[in-house]
Amino acid sequence: MKKIFILIICGLSMTACNPFLGINSWFNKIDYELEKQNDRQRYDRLKKVEDTARAMVSSYESDKQIYLSMKDENKEIALQAKIRANNTAIQYNQFILKNSYLWKNNIPQDIKNELEIIN
């Protein structure tokens, strides 16, 4: 009977004074810091991809406007602008396909899903 009583008291005291409590909190701090770092990296990667996409759209729109305004006046400049715009559109479409996982079907409104090829 005394042994059972002693075991119960020892069991209660061990649960009250958990020797692993310090180790657990140390691991929790590490997990928290790693999660913060992962979030920061995800944000930085997403920001870089969005900035690149916006720059590509801007370049495409600029070349497209040059093509549309010059196609009747200066064929050579218009052709060069059309080639640049189509090249940008192809690269952009591939870029969006490669990085679409970052948005998880929540693409910002100012980033287009696809740029059209000028014929």
Protein backbone atom coordinates (compact mmCIF):
# COMPACT_ATOMS: atom_id res chain seq x y z
CA MET A 1 0.00 0.00 0.00
CA LYS A 2 2.84 2.34 0.87
CA LYS A 3 4.48 1.59 -2.49
CA ILE A 4 1.33 2.52 -4.39
CA PHE A 5 0.97 5.69 -2.36
CA ILE A 6 4.61 6.61 -3.03
CA LEU A 7 4.18 5.88 -6.75
CA ILE A 8 1.12 8.10 -6.91
CA ILE A 9 2.92 10.95 -5.14
CA CYS A 10 5.97 10.53 -7.38
CA GLY A 11 3.78 10.45 -10.47
CA LEU A 12 1.95 13.61 -9.47
CA SER A 13 5.15 15.42 -8.62
CA MET A 14 6.74 14.44 -11.95
CA THR A 15 3.78 15.73 -13.90
CA ALA A 16 3.78 18.94 -11.88
CA CYS A 17 7.54 19.39 -12.29
CA ASN A 18 8.06 18.25 -15.86
CA PRO A 19 11.81 17.99 -16.43
CA PHE A 20 11.21 18.17 -20.18
CA LEU A 21 9.29 21.44 -20.01
CA GLY A 22 12.42 23.47 -20.72
CA ILE A 23 13.35 21.27 -23.64
CA ASN A 24 9.84 21.49 -25.08
CA SER A 25 9.82 25.27 -24.88
CA TRP A 26 13.25 25.37 -26.52
CA PHE A 27 11.96 23.25 -29.44
CA ASN A 28 8.87 25.45 -29.69
CA LYS A 29 11.08 28.54 -29.97
CA ILE A 30 13.07 26.88 -32.75
CA ASP A 31 9.87 25.90 -34.59
CA TYR A 32 8.52 29.43 -34.23
CA GLU A 33 11.71 31.00 -35.56
CA LEU A 34 11.80 28.58 -38.50
CA GLU A 35 8.17 29.34 -39.32
CA LYS A 36 8.87 33.08 -39.21
CA GLN A 37 11.84 32.62 -41.52
CA ASN A 38 9.80 30.49 -43.93
CA ASP A 39 7.04 33.10 -44.01
CA ARG A 40 9.58 35.83 -44.71
CA GLN A 41 11.11 33.80 -47.55
CA ARG A 42 7.69 33.03 -49.03
CA TYR A 43 6.78 36.71 -48.94
CA ASP A 44 10.09 37.76 -50.51
CA ARG A 45 9.72 35.16 -53.26
CA LEU A 46 6.12 36.16 -53.94
CA LYS A 47 7.03 39.85 -54.05
CA LYS A 48 9.87 39.17 -56.48
CA VAL A 49 7.61 37.12 -58.77
CA GLU A 50 4.86 39.74 -58.70
CA ASP A 51 7.31 42.56 -59.43
CA THR A 52 8.78 40.61 -62.34
CA ALA A 53 5.33 39.85 -63.73
CA ARG A 54 4.29 43.50 -63.50
CA ALA A 55 7.48 44.60 -65.25
CA MET A 56 6.91 42.09 -68.03
CA VAL A 57 3.31 43.25 -68.50
CA SER A 58 4.48 46.85 -68.65
CA SER A 59 7.10 46.01 -71.26
CA TYR A 60 4.56 44.04 -73.29
CA GLU A 61 1.99 46.84 -73.19
CA SER A 62 4.60 49.38 -74.24
CA ASP A 63 5.77 47.31 -77.20
CA LYS A 64 2.19 46.54 -78.17
CA GLN A 65 1.32 50.24 -78.20
CA ILE A 66 4.38 51.00 -80.33
CA TYR A 67 3.33 48.27 -82.75
CA LEU A 68 -0.26 49.50 -82.96
CA SER A 69 0.73 53.11 -83.47
CA MET A 70 3.50 52.43 -86.00
CA LYS A 71 2.11 49.55 -88.05
CA ASP A 72 0.83 51.91 -90.75
CA GLU A 73 3.62 54.50 -90.62
CA ASN A 74 6.91 52.66 -90.10
CA LYS A 75 6.72 48.94 -90.80
CA GLU A 76 10.23 48.16 -89.59
CA ILE A 77 9.79 49.74 -86.16
CA ALA A 78 6.35 48.16 -85.88
CA LEU A 79 7.76 44.73 -86.75
CA GLN A 80 10.52 45.06 -84.14
CA ALA A 81 7.99 46.11 -81.49
CA LYS A 82 5.73 43.20 -82.44
CA ILE A 83 8.62 40.74 -82.13
CA ARG A 84 9.59 42.16 -78.72
CA ALA A 85 5.98 42.06 -77.52
CA ASN A 86 5.49 38.47 -78.67
CA ASN A 87 8.78 37.42 -77.11
CA THR A 88 7.75 39.05 -73.84
CA ALA A 89 4.33 37.39 -74.03
CA ILE A 90 5.88 33.94 -74.50
CA GLN A 91 8.31 34.45 -71.63
CA TYR A 92 5.55 35.87 -69.42
CA ASN A 93 3.18 32.98 -70.08
CA GLN A 94 5.91 30.48 -69.21
CA PHE A 95 6.87 32.51 -66.13
CA ILE A 96 3.28 32.55 -64.87
CA LEU A 97 2.93 28.80 -65.42
CA LYS A 98 6.11 28.10 -63.47
CA ASN A 99 5.18 30.38 -60.57
CA SER A 100 1.41 29.99 -60.36
CA TYR A 101 1.77 27.74 -57.30
CA LEU A 102 2.81 30.78 -55.26
CA TRP A 103 -0.61 32.40 -55.50
CA LYS A 104 -2.64 29.27 -54.72
CA ASN A 105 -5.42 30.35 -57.13
CA ASN A 106 -5.42 33.87 -55.70
CA ILE A 107 -3.65 35.87 -58.39
CA PRO A 108 -3.69 39.66 -57.85
CA GLN A 109 -5.99 41.54 -60.20
CA ASP A 110 -3.25 43.55 -61.85
CA ILE A 111 -1.38 40.40 -62.90
CA LYS A 112 -2.82 38.78 -65.99
CA ASN A 113 -3.12 35.03 -66.37
CA GLU A 114 -1.84 35.18 -69.92
CA LEU A 115 -0.64 37.69 -72.49
CA GLU A 116 -1.88 37.32 -76.03
CA ILE A 117 0.43 36.82 -78.97
CA ILE A 118 0.10 39.56 -81.58
CA ASN A 119 -0.61 38.15 -85.05
